[in-house]
């Protein structure tokens, strides 16, 4: 995981590029087991919130930014809610723990943080 101010990085493709430059990609979550593993890893790195590679920014349809099909979701109750019409990024959020929130990289998501999670194949 990386702790980088990511709002402009996501919109410009920089977050994706940073992960790619390090040999990975913005994390995709395809199972409950992977969800728990990535969340636990994030917490062990000292973060309470972080975005991963899920967005609905292009057409209001939630998609993994690497093109992988969205087959597993773990939204918290009431999410995604597009609060203030600016929350377009899937994230682990300090209030929702293992479940997902839609956030906006700390512009208005309260204490949402600015971290994003890169994933690396072994």
PDB file of N, CA and C in Angstrom:
ATOM      1  N   UNK A   1       0.816  -1.183   0.000  1.00  0.00           N
ATOM      2  CA  UNK A   1       0.000   0.000   0.000  1.00  0.00           C
ATOM      3  C   UNK A   1       0.859   1.245   0.000  1.00  0.00           C
ATOM      4  N   UNK A   2       0.318   2.315  -0.523  1.00  0.00           N
ATOM      5  CA  UNK A   2       1.046   3.572  -0.604  1.00  0.00           C
ATOM      6  C   UNK A   2       0.256   4.683   0.075  1.00  0.00           C
ATOM      7  N   UNK A   3       0.921   5.549   0.798  1.00  0.00           N
ATOM      8  CA  UNK A   3       0.272   6.701   1.403  1.00  0.00           C
ATOM      9  C   UNK A   3       0.573   7.944   0.593  1.00  0.00           C
ATOM     10  N   UNK A   4      -0.224   8.209  -0.435  1.00  0.00           N
ATOM     11  CA  UNK A   4       0.035   9.313  -1.357  1.00  0.00           C
ATOM     12  C   UNK A   4      -1.257  10.098  -1.563  1.00  0.00           C
ATOM     13  N   UNK A   5      -1.225  11.443  -1.618  1.00  0.00           N
ATOM     14  CA  UNK A   5      -2.438  12.200  -1.935  1.00  0.00           C
ATOM     15  C   UNK A   5      -2.947  11.766  -3.301  1.00  0.00           C
ATOM     16  N   UNK A   6      -4.095  11.129  -3.342  1.00  0.00           N
ATOM     17  CA  UNK A   6      -4.459  10.395  -4.543  1.00  0.00           C
ATOM     18  C   UNK A   6      -5.615  10.943  -5.355  1.00  0.00           C
ATOM     19  N   UNK A   7      -6.379  11.918  -4.858  1.00  0.00           N
ATOM     20  CA  UNK A   7      -7.522  12.402  -5.639  1.00  0.00           C
ATOM     21  C   UNK A   7      -7.108  12.800  -7.055  1.00  0.00           C
ATOM     22  N   UNK A   8      -6.167  13.732  -7.237  1.00  0.00           N
ATOM     23  CA  UNK A   8      -5.788  14.073  -8.603  1.00  0.00           C
ATOM     24  C   UNK A   8      -5.052  12.926  -9.281  1.00  0.00           C
ATOM     25  N   UNK A   9      -4.378  12.077  -8.503  1.00  0.00           N
ATOM     26  CA  UNK A   9      -3.652  10.961  -9.091  1.00  0.00           C
ATOM     27  C   UNK A   9      -4.617   9.955  -9.705  1.00  0.00           C
ATOM     28  N   UNK A  10      -5.748   9.722  -9.075  1.00  0.00           N
ATOM     29  CA  UNK A  10      -6.729   8.789  -9.619  1.00  0.00           C
ATOM     30  C   UNK A  10      -7.325   9.338 -10.900  1.00  0.00           C
ATOM     31  N   UNK A  11      -7.759  10.583 -10.852  1.00  0.00           N
ATOM     32  CA  UNK A  11      -8.424  11.163 -12.020  1.00  0.00           C
ATOM     33  C   UNK A  11      -7.491  11.264 -13.224  1.00  0.00           C
ATOM     34  N   UNK A  12      -6.235  11.503 -12.998  1.00  0.00           N
ATOM     35  CA  UNK A  12      -5.298  11.648 -14.106  1.00  0.00           C
ATOM     36  C   UNK A  12      -4.668  10.328 -14.514  1.00  0.00           C
ATOM     37  N   UNK A  13      -4.956   9.268 -13.766  1.00  0.00           N
ATOM     38  CA  UNK A  13      -4.339   7.983 -14.053  1.00  0.00           C
ATOM     39  C   UNK A  13      -3.006   7.781 -13.351  1.00  0.00           C
ATOM     40  N   UNK A  14      -2.566   8.752 -12.545  1.00  0.00           N
ATOM     41  CA  UNK A  14      -1.263   8.642 -11.874  1.00  0.00           C
ATOM     42  C   UNK A  14      -1.219   7.520 -10.855  1.00  0.00           C
ATOM     43  N   UNK A  15      -2.292   7.300 -10.109  1.00  0.00           N
ATOM     44  CA  UNK A  15      -2.277   6.210  -9.119  1.00  0.00           C
ATOM     45  C   UNK A  15      -2.057   4.890  -9.828  1.00  0.00           C
ATOM     46  N   UNK A  16      -2.772   4.687 -10.926  1.00  0.00           N
ATOM     47  CA  UNK A  16      -2.611   3.468 -11.722  1.00  0.00           C
ATOM     48  C   UNK A  16      -1.171   3.346 -12.216  1.00  0.00           C
ATOM     49  N   UNK A  17      -0.622   4.455 -12.690  1.00  0.00           N
ATOM     50  CA  UNK A  17       0.741   4.447 -13.209  1.00  0.00           C
ATOM     51  C   UNK A  17       1.758   4.167 -12.099  1.00  0.00           C
ATOM     52  N   UNK A  18       1.562   4.753 -10.925  1.00  0.00           N
ATOM     53  CA  UNK A  18       2.480   4.508  -9.805  1.00  0.00           C
ATOM     54  C   UNK A  18       2.500   3.028  -9.461  1.00  0.00           C
ATOM     55  N   UNK A  19       1.319   2.421  -9.386  1.00  0.00           N
ATOM     56  CA  UNK A  19       1.266   0.976  -9.096  1.00  0.00           C
ATOM     57  C   UNK A  19       1.963   0.187 -10.206  1.00  0.00           C
ATOM     58  N   UNK A  20       1.721   0.549 -11.453  1.00  0.00           N
ATOM     59  CA  UNK A  20       2.338  -0.153 -12.577  1.00  0.00           C
ATOM     60  C   UNK A  20       3.853  -0.007 -12.559  1.00  0.00           C
ATOM     61  N   UNK A  21       4.340   1.190 -12.226  1.00  0.00           N
ATOM     62  CA  UNK A  21       5.793   1.410 -12.163  1.00  0.00           C
ATOM     63  C   UNK A  21       6.448   0.535 -11.097  1.00  0.00           C
ATOM     64  N   UNK A  22       5.678   0.162 -10.080  1.00  0.00           N
ATOM     65  CA  UNK A  22       6.195  -0.691  -9.015  1.00  0.00           C
ATOM     66  C   UNK A  22       5.934  -2.171  -9.303  1.00  0.00           C
ATOM     67  N   UNK A  23       5.369  -2.471 -10.489  1.00  0.00           N
ATOM     68  CA  UNK A  23       5.133  -3.844 -10.889  1.00  0.00           C
ATOM     69  C   UNK A  23       3.784  -4.393 -10.481  1.00  0.00           C
ATOM     70  N   UNK A  24       2.828  -3.522 -10.164  1.00  0.00           N
ATOM     71  CA  UNK A  24       1.515  -3.978  -9.729  1.00  0.00           C
ATOM     72  C   UNK A  24       0.394  -3.214 -10.394  1.00  0.00           C
ATOM     73  N   UNK A  25      -0.736  -3.174  -9.706  1.00  0.00           N
ATOM     74  CA  UNK A  25      -1.926  -2.491 -10.195  1.00  0.00           C
ATOM     75  C   UNK A  25      -2.767  -2.101  -8.987  1.00  0.00           C
ATOM     76  N   UNK A  26      -3.679  -1.163  -9.177  1.00  0.00           N
ATOM     77  CA  UNK A  26      -4.585  -0.807  -8.088  1.00  0.00           C
ATOM     78  C   UNK A  26      -5.375  -2.053  -7.710  1.00  0.00           C
ATOM     79  N   UNK A  27      -5.434  -2.329  -6.423  1.00  0.00           N
ATOM     80  CA  UNK A  27      -5.985  -3.588  -5.928  1.00  0.00           C
ATOM     81  C   UNK A  27      -7.415  -3.834  -6.406  1.00  0.00           C
ATOM     82  N   UNK A  28      -7.649  -5.087  -6.782  1.00  0.00           N
ATOM     83  CA  UNK A  28      -8.992  -5.574  -7.074  1.00  0.00           C
ATOM     84  C   UNK A  28      -9.322  -6.635  -6.029  1.00  0.00           C
ATOM     85  N   UNK A  29     -10.572  -6.717  -5.672  1.00  0.00           N
ATOM     86  CA  UNK A  29     -10.987  -7.654  -4.623  1.00  0.00           C
ATOM     87  C   UNK A  29     -12.011  -8.602  -5.218  1.00  0.00           C
ATOM     88  N   UNK A  30     -11.645  -9.876  -5.287  1.00  0.00           N
ATOM     89  CA  UNK A  30     -12.479 -10.839  -5.995  1.00  0.00           C
ATOM     90  C   UNK A  30     -13.080 -11.922  -5.097  1.00  0.00           C
ATOM     91  N   UNK A  31     -12.832 -11.850  -3.796  1.00  0.00           N
ATOM     92  CA  UNK A  31     -13.404 -12.840  -2.885  1.00  0.00           C
ATOM     93  C   UNK A  31     -13.435 -12.265  -1.471  1.00  0.00           C
ATOM     94  N   UNK A  32     -14.232 -12.891  -0.616  1.00  0.00           N
ATOM     95  CA  UNK A  32     -14.280 -12.467   0.786  1.00  0.00           C
ATOM     96  C   UNK A  32     -12.921 -12.668   1.451  1.00  0.00           C
ATOM     97  N   UNK A  33     -12.252 -13.759   1.097  1.00  0.00           N
ATOM     98  CA  UNK A  33     -10.931 -14.042   1.664  1.00  0.00           C
ATOM     99  C   UNK A  33      -9.917 -12.953   1.281  1.00  0.00           C
ATOM    100  N   UNK A  34      -9.926 -12.558   0.023  1.00  0.00           N
ATOM    101  CA  UNK A  34      -9.026 -11.497  -0.422  1.00  0.00           C
ATOM    102  C   UNK A  34      -9.384 -10.168   0.236  1.00  0.00           C
ATOM    103  N   UNK A  35     -10.667  -9.910   0.400  1.00  0.00           N
ATOM    104  CA  UNK A  35     -11.122  -8.693   1.067  1.00  0.00           C
ATOM    105  C   UNK A  35     -10.531  -8.613   2.482  1.00  0.00           C
ATOM    106  N   UNK A  36     -10.644  -9.682   3.237  1.00  0.00           N
ATOM    107  CA  UNK A  36     -10.133  -9.719   4.608  1.00  0.00           C
ATOM    108  C   UNK A  36      -8.609  -9.573   4.612  1.00  0.00           C
ATOM    109  N   UNK A  37      -7.939 -10.253   3.699  1.00  0.00           N
ATOM    110  CA  UNK A  37      -6.473 -10.207   3.630  1.00  0.00           C
ATOM    111  C   UNK A  37      -5.988  -8.777   3.349  1.00  0.00           C
ATOM    112  N   UNK A  38      -6.595  -8.121   2.349  1.00  0.00           N
ATOM    113  CA  UNK A  38      -6.165  -6.765   1.980  1.00  0.00           C
ATOM    114  C   UNK A  38      -6.481  -5.783   3.106  1.00  0.00           C
ATOM    115  N   UNK A  39      -7.654  -5.904   3.722  1.00  0.00           N
ATOM    116  CA  UNK A  39      -8.003  -5.023   4.837  1.00  0.00           C
ATOM    117  C   UNK A  39      -7.016  -5.201   5.995  1.00  0.00           C
ATOM    118  N   UNK A  40      -6.749  -6.449   6.372  1.00  0.00           N
ATOM    119  CA  UNK A  40      -5.811  -6.707   7.470  1.00  0.00           C
ATOM    120  C   UNK A  40      -4.426  -6.162   7.159  1.00  0.00           C
ATOM    121  N   UNK A  41      -3.994  -6.319   5.906  1.00  0.00           N
ATOM    122  CA  UNK A  41      -2.689  -5.783   5.491  1.00  0.00           C
ATOM    123  C   UNK A  41      -2.672  -4.265   5.642  1.00  0.00           C
ATOM    124  N   UNK A  42      -3.724  -3.606   5.184  1.00  0.00           N
ATOM    125  CA  UNK A  42      -3.808  -2.149   5.280  1.00  0.00           C
ATOM    126  C   UNK A  42      -3.671  -1.693   6.726  1.00  0.00           C
ATOM    127  N   UNK A  43      -4.401  -2.351   7.636  1.00  0.00           N
ATOM    128  CA  UNK A  43      -4.356  -1.986   9.054  1.00  0.00           C
ATOM    129  C   UNK A  43      -2.956  -2.212   9.626  1.00  0.00           C
ATOM    130  N   UNK A  44      -2.312  -3.310   9.255  1.00  0.00           N
ATOM    131  CA  UNK A  44      -0.954  -3.597   9.736  1.00  0.00           C
ATOM    132  C   UNK A  44       0.045  -2.547   9.255  1.00  0.00           C
ATOM    133  N   UNK A  45      -0.254  -1.901   8.122  1.00  0.00           N
ATOM    134  CA  UNK A  45       0.614  -0.846   7.604  1.00  0.00           C
ATOM    135  C   UNK A  45       0.344   0.499   8.271  1.00  0.00           C
ATOM    136  N   UNK A  46      -0.647   0.538   9.166  1.00  0.00           N
ATOM    137  CA  UNK A  46      -0.924   1.758   9.920  1.00  0.00           C
ATOM    138  C   UNK A  46      -2.028   2.635   9.351  1.00  0.00           C
ATOM    139  N   UNK A  47      -2.817   2.116   8.417  1.00  0.00           N
ATOM    140  CA  UNK A  47      -3.905   2.900   7.816  1.00  0.00           C
ATOM    141  C   UNK A  47      -5.253   2.406   8.324  1.00  0.00           C
ATOM    142  N   UNK A  48      -6.197   3.320   8.428  1.00  0.00           N
ATOM    143  CA  UNK A  48      -7.568   2.970   8.785  1.00  0.00           C
ATOM    144  C   UNK A  48      -8.488   3.027   7.568  1.00  0.00           C
ATOM    145  N   UNK A  49      -8.058   3.746   6.533  1.00  0.00           N
ATOM    146  CA  UNK A  49      -8.848   3.917   5.312  1.00  0.00           C
ATOM    147  C   UNK A  49      -7.902   3.925   4.120  1.00  0.00           C
ATOM    148  N   UNK A  50      -8.359   3.358   3.009  1.00  0.00           N
ATOM    149  CA  UNK A  50      -7.582   3.407   1.767  1.00  0.00           C
ATOM    150  C   UNK A  50      -8.474   3.012   0.605  1.00  0.00           C
ATOM    151  N   UNK A  51      -8.244   3.633  -0.521  1.00  0.00           N
ATOM    152  CA  UNK A  51      -8.992   3.312  -1.733  1.00  0.00           C
ATOM    153  C   UNK A  51      -8.324   2.152  -2.464  1.00  0.00           C
ATOM    154  N   UNK A  52      -9.137   1.440  -3.229  1.00  0.00           N
ATOM    155  CA  UNK A  52      -8.621   0.380  -4.099  1.00  0.00           C
ATOM    156  C   UNK A  52      -9.129   0.655  -5.508  1.00  0.00           C
ATOM    157  N   UNK A  53      -8.929  -0.257  -6.427  1.00  0.00           N
ATOM    158  CA  UNK A  53      -9.149   0.019  -7.847  1.00  0.00           C
ATOM    159  C   UNK A  53     -10.564  -0.097  -8.361  1.00  0.00           C
ATOM    160  N   UNK A  54     -11.552   0.333  -7.589  1.00  0.00           N
ATOM    161  CA  UNK A  54     -12.953   0.289  -8.008  1.00  0.00           C
ATOM    162  C   UNK A  54     -13.469   1.721  -8.146  1.00  0.00           C
ATOM    163  N   UNK A  55     -14.104   2.014  -9.278  1.00  0.00           N
ATOM    164  CA  UNK A  55     -14.597   3.372  -9.499  1.00  0.00           C
ATOM    165  C   UNK A  55     -15.844   3.340 -10.379  1.00  0.00           C
ATOM    166  N   UNK A  56     -16.693   4.349 -10.203  1.00  0.00           N
ATOM    167  CA  UNK A  56     -17.841   4.529 -11.095  1.00  0.00           C
ATOM    168  C   UNK A  56     -17.775   5.912 -11.747  1.00  0.00           C
ATOM    169  N   UNK A  57     -16.598   6.480 -11.791  1.00  0.00           N
ATOM    170  CA  UNK A  57     -16.432   7.852 -12.263  1.00  0.00           C
ATOM    171  C   UNK A  57     -16.810   8.016 -13.735  1.00  0.00           C
ATOM    172  N   UNK A  58     -16.510   7.046 -14.556  1.00  0.00           N
ATOM    173  CA  UNK A  58     -16.737   7.203 -15.996  1.00  0.00           C
ATOM    174  C   UNK A  58     -18.211   7.229 -16.400  1.00  0.00           C
ATOM    175  N   UNK A  59     -19.006   6.267 -15.887  1.00  0.00           N
ATOM    176  CA  UNK A  59     -20.394   6.182 -16.347  1.00  0.00           C
ATOM    177  C   UNK A  59     -21.371   5.754 -15.253  1.00  0.00           C
ATOM    178  N   UNK A  60     -20.994   5.990 -13.986  1.00  0.00           N
ATOM    179  CA  UNK A  60     -21.823   5.618 -12.832  1.00  0.00           C
ATOM    180  C   UNK A  60     -22.058   4.117 -12.709  1.00  0.00           C
ATOM    181  N   UNK A  61     -21.213   3.315 -13.352  1.00  0.00           N
ATOM    182  CA  UNK A  61     -21.237   1.862 -13.210  1.00  0.00           C
ATOM    183  C   UNK A  61     -19.950   1.453 -12.519  1.00  0.00           C
ATOM    184  N   UNK A  62     -20.048   0.722 -11.407  1.00  0.00           N
ATOM    185  CA  UNK A  62     -18.855   0.330 -10.662  1.00  0.00           C
ATOM    186  C   UNK A  62     -18.050  -0.684 -11.460  1.00  0.00           C
ATOM    187  N   UNK A  63     -16.766  -0.359 -11.705  1.00  0.00           N
ATOM    188  CA  UNK A  63     -15.874  -1.211 -12.489  1.00  0.00           C
ATOM    189  C   UNK A  63     -14.498  -1.243 -11.828  1.00  0.00           C
ATOM    190  N   UNK A  64     -13.831  -2.393 -11.952  1.00  0.00           N
ATOM    191  CA  UNK A  64     -12.420  -2.448 -11.569  1.00  0.00           C
ATOM    192  C   UNK A  64     -11.650  -1.723 -12.659  1.00  0.00           C
ATOM    193  N   UNK A  65     -10.697  -0.892 -12.275  1.00  0.00           N
ATOM    194  CA  UNK A  65     -10.042  -0.063 -13.282  1.00  0.00           C
ATOM    195  C   UNK A  65      -9.131  -0.869 -14.201  1.00  0.00           C
ATOM    196  N   UNK A  66      -8.861  -2.141 -13.859  1.00  0.00           N
ATOM    197  CA  UNK A  66      -8.056  -2.971 -14.766  1.00  0.00           C
ATOM    198  C   UNK A  66      -8.946  -3.751 -15.731  1.00  0.00           C
ATOM    199  N   UNK A  67     -10.256  -3.515 -15.704  1.00  0.00           N
ATOM    200  CA  UNK A  67     -11.168  -4.175 -16.616  1.00  0.00           C
ATOM    201  C   UNK A  67     -11.734  -5.492 -16.100  1.00  0.00           C
ATOM    202  N   UNK A  68     -11.238  -5.970 -14.967  1.00  0.00           N
ATOM    203  CA  UNK A  68     -11.742  -7.210 -14.382  1.00  0.00           C
ATOM    204  C   UNK A  68     -13.229  -7.052 -14.048  1.00  0.00           C
ATOM    205  N   UNK A  69     -13.997  -8.125 -14.255  1.00  0.00           N
ATOM    206  CA  UNK A  69     -15.430  -8.077 -13.979  1.00  0.00           C
ATOM    207  C   UNK A  69     -15.679  -7.989 -12.467  1.00  0.00           C
ATOM    208  N   UNK A  70     -16.633  -7.134 -12.063  1.00  0.00           N
ATOM    209  CA  UNK A  70     -17.000  -7.006 -10.656  1.00  0.00           C
ATOM    210  C   UNK A  70     -17.963  -8.143 -10.322  1.00  0.00           C
ATOM    211  N   UNK A  71     -17.462  -9.137  -9.607  1.00  0.00           N
ATOM    212  CA  UNK A  71     -18.295 -10.282  -9.238  1.00  0.00           C
ATOM    213  C   UNK A  71     -18.516 -10.360  -7.732  1.00  0.00           C
ATOM    214  N   UNK A  72     -17.657  -9.739  -6.968  1.00  0.00           N
ATOM    215  CA  UNK A  72     -17.738  -9.781  -5.517  1.00  0.00           C
ATOM    216  C   UNK A  72     -17.754  -8.340  -5.020  1.00  0.00           C
ATOM    217  N   UNK A  73     -18.747  -8.015  -4.198  1.00  0.00           N
ATOM    218  CA  UNK A  73     -18.760  -6.700  -3.560  1.00  0.00           C
ATOM    219  C   UNK A  73     -19.003  -6.898  -2.069  1.00  0.00           C
ATOM    220  N   UNK A  74     -18.637  -5.896  -1.305  1.00  0.00           N
ATOM    221  CA  UNK A  74     -18.801  -5.986   0.145  1.00  0.00           C
ATOM    222  C   UNK A  74     -19.170  -4.610   0.710  1.00  0.00           C
ATOM    223  N   UNK A  75     -20.162  -3.973   0.091  1.00  0.00           N
ATOM    224  CA  UNK A  75     -20.578  -2.639   0.517  1.00  0.00           C
ATOM    225  C   UNK A  75     -21.151  -2.668   1.929  1.00  0.00           C
ATOM    226  N   UNK A  76     -20.825  -1.651   2.691  1.00  0.00           N
ATOM    227  CA  UNK A  76     -21.441  -1.455   4.010  1.00  0.00           C
ATOM    228  C   UNK A  76     -22.920  -1.117   3.797  1.00  0.00           C
ATOM    229  N   UNK A  77     -23.763  -1.349   4.802  1.00  0.00           N
ATOM    230  CA  UNK A  77     -25.178  -0.974   4.664  1.00  0.00           C
ATOM    231  C   UNK A  77     -25.319   0.501   4.276  1.00  0.00           C
ATOM    232  N   UNK A  78     -26.150   0.774   3.272  1.00  0.00           N
ATOM    233  CA  UNK A  78     -26.374   2.140   2.806  1.00  0.00           C
ATOM    234  C   UNK A  78     -25.348   2.638   1.796  1.00  0.00           C
ATOM    235  N   UNK A  79     -24.377   1.817   1.467  1.00  0.00           N
ATOM    236  CA  UNK A  79     -23.348   2.193   0.501  1.00  0.00           C
ATOM    237  C   UNK A  79     -23.500   1.355  -0.776  1.00  0.00           C
ATOM    238  N   UNK A  80     -23.084   1.851  -1.911  1.00  0.00           N
ATOM    239  CA  UNK A  80     -22.553   3.188  -2.146  1.00  0.00           C
ATOM    240  C   UNK A  80     -23.687   4.219  -2.170  1.00  0.00           C
ATOM    241  N   UNK A  81     -23.399   5.392  -1.643  1.00  0.00           N
ATOM    242  CA  UNK A  81     -24.450   6.413  -1.568  1.00  0.00           C
ATOM    243  C   UNK A  81     -24.124   7.692  -2.340  1.00  0.00           C
ATOM    244  N   UNK A  82     -22.943   7.772  -2.938  1.00  0.00           N
ATOM    245  CA  UNK A  82     -22.543   8.960  -3.717  1.00  0.00           C
ATOM    246  C   UNK A  82     -22.758  10.260  -2.951  1.00  0.00           C
ATOM    247  N   UNK A  83     -22.447  10.244  -1.656  1.00  0.00           N
ATOM    248  CA  UNK A  83     -22.667  11.417  -0.819  1.00  0.00           C
ATOM    249  C   UNK A  83     -22.083  12.669  -1.462  1.00  0.00           C
ATOM    250  N   UNK A  84     -22.851  13.735  -1.445  1.00  0.00           N
ATOM    251  CA  UNK A  84     -22.468  15.027  -2.045  1.00  0.00           C
ATOM    252  C   UNK A  84     -22.149  14.902  -3.532  1.00  0.00           C
ATOM    253  N   UNK A  85     -22.569  13.807  -4.135  1.00  0.00           N
ATOM    254  CA  UNK A  85     -22.343  13.538  -5.560  1.00  0.00           C
ATOM    255  C   UNK A  85     -20.863  13.578  -5.942  1.00  0.00           C
ATOM    256  N   UNK A  86     -19.982  13.241  -4.989  1.00  0.00           N
ATOM    257  CA  UNK A  86     -18.541  13.257  -5.282  1.00  0.00           C
ATOM    258  C   UNK A  86     -17.844  11.940  -4.930  1.00  0.00           C
ATOM    259  N   UNK A  87     -18.558  10.998  -4.350  1.00  0.00           N
ATOM    260  CA  UNK A  87     -17.911   9.762  -3.928  1.00  0.00           C
ATOM    261  C   UNK A  87     -17.968   8.737  -5.061  1.00  0.00           C
ATOM    262  N   UNK A  88     -16.816   8.537  -5.687  1.00  0.00           N
ATOM    263  CA  UNK A  88     -16.751   7.684  -6.875  1.00  0.00           C
ATOM    264  C   UNK A  88     -15.683   6.607  -6.795  1.00  0.00           C
ATOM    265  N   UNK A  89     -15.129   6.363  -5.610  1.00  0.00           N
ATOM    266  CA  UNK A  89     -14.029   5.415  -5.483  1.00  0.00           C
ATOM    267  C   UNK A  89     -14.313   4.428  -4.364  1.00  0.00           C
ATOM    268  N   UNK A  90     -14.161   3.134  -4.640  1.00  0.00           N
ATOM    269  CA  UNK A  90     -14.327   2.123  -3.613  1.00  0.00           C
ATOM    270  C   UNK A  90     -13.194   2.204  -2.611  1.00  0.00           C
ATOM    271  N   UNK A  91     -13.536   2.035  -1.331  1.00  0.00           N
ATOM    272  CA  UNK A  91     -12.500   2.149  -0.303  1.00  0.00           C
ATOM    273  C   UNK A  91     -12.866   1.374   0.952  1.00  0.00           C
ATOM    274  N   UNK A  92     -11.832   1.008   1.687  1.00  0.00           N
ATOM    275  CA  UNK A  92     -12.027   0.599   3.072  1.00  0.00           C
ATOM    276  C   UNK A  92     -12.062   1.894   3.870  1.00  0.00           C
ATOM    277  N   UNK A  93     -12.979   1.978   4.810  1.00  0.00           N
ATOM    278  CA  UNK A  93     -13.201   3.224   5.534  1.00  0.00           C
ATOM    279  C   UNK A  93     -13.209   2.933   7.030  1.00  0.00           C
ATOM    280  N   UNK A  94     -12.618   3.810   7.792  1.00  0.00           N
ATOM    281  CA  UNK A  94     -12.465   3.584   9.227  1.00  0.00           C
ATOM    282  C   UNK A  94     -13.797   3.309   9.928  1.00  0.00           C
ATOM    283  N   UNK A  95     -14.892   3.848   9.433  1.00  0.00           N
ATOM    284  CA  UNK A  95     -16.200   3.624  10.058  1.00  0.00           C
ATOM    285  C   UNK A  95     -16.799   2.266   9.693  1.00  0.00           C
ATOM    286  N   UNK A  96     -16.426   1.733   8.525  1.00  0.00           N
ATOM    287  CA  UNK A  96     -17.095   0.534   8.014  1.00  0.00           C
ATOM    288  C   UNK A  96     -16.237  -0.720   8.105  1.00  0.00           C
ATOM    289  N   UNK A  97     -14.991  -0.578   8.544  1.00  0.00           N
ATOM    290  CA  UNK A  97     -14.060  -1.693   8.741  1.00  0.00           C
ATOM    291  C   UNK A  97     -13.921  -2.547   7.485  1.00  0.00           C
ATOM    292  N   UNK A  98     -14.262  -3.840   7.561  1.00  0.00           N
ATOM    293  CA  UNK A  98     -14.046  -4.764   6.439  1.00  0.00           C
ATOM    294  C   UNK A  98     -14.975  -4.509   5.258  1.00  0.00           C
ATOM    295  N   UNK A  99     -16.050  -3.768   5.486  1.00  0.00           N
ATOM    296  CA  UNK A  99     -16.972  -3.499   4.392  1.00  0.00           C
ATOM    297  C   UNK A  99     -16.558  -2.226   3.662  1.00  0.00           C
ATOM    298  N   UNK A 100     -17.147  -2.013   2.500  1.00  0.00           N
ATOM    299  CA  UNK A 100     -16.713  -0.936   1.613  1.00  0.00           C
ATOM    300  C   UNK A 100     -17.589   0.307   1.736  1.00  0.00           C
ATOM    301  N   UNK A 101     -16.937   1.418   1.479  1.00  0.00           N
ATOM    302  CA  UNK A 101     -17.576   2.724   1.394  1.00  0.00           C
ATOM    303  C   UNK A 101     -17.236   3.285   0.021  1.00  0.00           C
ATOM    304  N   UNK A 102     -18.060   4.183  -0.485  1.00  0.00           N
ATOM    305  CA  UNK A 102     -17.632   4.943  -1.658  1.00  0.00           C
ATOM    306  C   UNK A 102     -17.122   6.282  -1.140  1.00  0.00           C
ATOM    307  N   UNK A 103     -15.924   6.631  -1.542  1.00  0.00           N
ATOM    308  CA  UNK A 103     -15.283   7.836  -1.035  1.00  0.00           C
ATOM    309  C   UNK A 103     -14.752   8.717  -2.146  1.00  0.00           C
ATOM    310  N   UNK A 104     -14.065   9.773  -1.736  1.00  0.00           N
ATOM    311  CA  UNK A 104     -13.579  10.756  -2.705  1.00  0.00           C
ATOM    312  C   UNK A 104     -12.145  11.201  -2.426  1.00  0.00           C
ATOM    313  N   UNK A 105     -11.365  10.393  -1.765  1.00  0.00           N
ATOM    314  CA  UNK A 105      -9.981  10.732  -1.435  1.00  0.00           C
ATOM    315  C   UNK A 105      -9.866  11.998  -0.612  1.00  0.00           C
ATOM    316  N   UNK A 106     -10.599  12.052   0.489  1.00  0.00           N
ATOM    317  CA  UNK A 106     -10.451  13.066   1.537  1.00  0.00           C
ATOM    318  C   UNK A 106     -10.946  14.456   1.172  1.00  0.00           C
ATOM    319  N   UNK A 107     -11.612  14.630   0.053  1.00  0.00           N
ATOM    320  CA  UNK A 107     -12.175  15.939  -0.240  1.00  0.00           C
ATOM    321  C   UNK A 107     -13.343  16.224   0.689  1.00  0.00           C
ATOM    322  N   UNK A 108     -14.264  15.256   0.833  1.00  0.00           N
ATOM    323  CA  UNK A 108     -15.376  15.455   1.768  1.00  0.00           C
ATOM    324  C   UNK A 108     -15.680  14.211   2.587  1.00  0.00           C
ATOM    325  N   UNK A 109     -15.102  13.047   2.257  1.00  0.00           N
ATOM    326  CA  UNK A 109     -15.314  11.840   3.047  1.00  0.00           C
ATOM    327  C   UNK A 109     -14.556  12.009   4.359  1.00  0.00           C
ATOM    328  N   UNK A 110     -15.275  12.153   5.458  1.00  0.00           N
ATOM    329  CA  UNK A 110     -14.690  12.479   6.758  1.00  0.00           C
ATOM    330  C   UNK A 110     -13.580  11.507   7.133  1.00  0.00           C
ATOM    331  N   UNK A 111     -12.379  12.011   7.303  1.00  0.00           N
ATOM    332  CA  UNK A 111     -11.204  11.220   7.668  1.00  0.00           C
ATOM    333  C   UNK A 111     -10.989  10.041   6.728  1.00  0.00           C
ATOM    334  N   UNK A 112     -11.321  10.233   5.466  1.00  0.00           N
ATOM    335  CA  UNK A 112     -11.184   9.155   4.488  1.00  0.00           C
ATOM    336  C   UNK A 112      -9.751   8.835   4.131  1.00  0.00           C
ATOM    337  N   UNK A 113      -8.866   9.771   4.371  1.00  0.00           N
ATOM    338  CA  UNK A 113      -7.469   9.534   4.067  1.00  0.00           C
ATOM    339  C   UNK A 113      -7.167   9.695   2.596  1.00  0.00           C
ATOM    340  N   UNK A 114      -5.901   9.555   2.280  1.00  0.00           N
ATOM    341  CA  UNK A 114      -5.446   9.760   0.911  1.00  0.00           C
ATOM    342  C   UNK A 114      -4.649   8.572   0.388  1.00  0.00           C
ATOM    343  N   UNK A 115      -4.713   7.452   1.083  1.00  0.00           N
ATOM    344  CA  UNK A 115      -3.945   6.279   0.670  1.00  0.00           C
ATOM    345  C   UNK A 115      -4.693   5.482  -0.390  1.00  0.00           C
ATOM    346  N   UNK A 116      -3.934   4.776  -1.213  1.00  0.00           N
ATOM    347  CA  UNK A 116      -4.528   3.795  -2.116  1.00  0.00           C
ATOM    348  C   UNK A 116      -3.684   2.539  -2.066  1.00  0.00           C
ATOM    349  N   UNK A 117      -4.275   1.428  -2.474  1.00  0.00           N
ATOM    350  CA  UNK A 117      -3.652   0.126  -2.299  1.00  0.00           C
ATOM    351  C   UNK A 117      -3.239  -0.441  -3.652  1.00  0.00           C
ATOM    352  N   UNK A 118      -1.967  -0.740  -3.790  1.00  0.00           N
ATOM    353  CA  UNK A 118      -1.474  -1.426  -4.981  1.00  0.00           C
ATOM    354  C   UNK A 118      -1.417  -2.925  -4.676  1.00  0.00           C
ATOM    355  N   UNK A 119      -1.684  -3.732  -5.690  1.00  0.00           N
ATOM    356  CA  UNK A 119      -1.646  -5.193  -5.576  1.00  0.00           C
ATOM    357  C   UNK A 119      -0.570  -5.718  -6.509  1.00  0.00           C
ATOM    358  N   UNK A 120       0.120  -6.753  -6.073  1.00  0.00           N
ATOM    359  CA  UNK A 120       1.211  -7.335  -6.852  1.00  0.00           C
ATOM    360  C   UNK A 120       0.996  -8.830  -7.000  1.00  0.00           C
ATOM    361  N   UNK A 121       1.074  -9.339  -8.220  1.00  0.00           N
ATOM    362  CA  UNK A 121       1.002 -10.787  -8.424  1.00  0.00           C
ATOM    363  C   UNK A 121       2.320 -11.400  -8.005  1.00  0.00           C
ATOM    364  N   UNK A 122       2.238 -12.611  -7.478  1.00  0.00           N
ATOM    365  CA  UNK A 122       3.457 -13.275  -7.031  1.00  0.00           C
ATOM    366  C   UNK A 122       3.970 -14.212  -8.086  1.00  0.00           C
TER     367      UNK A 122
END
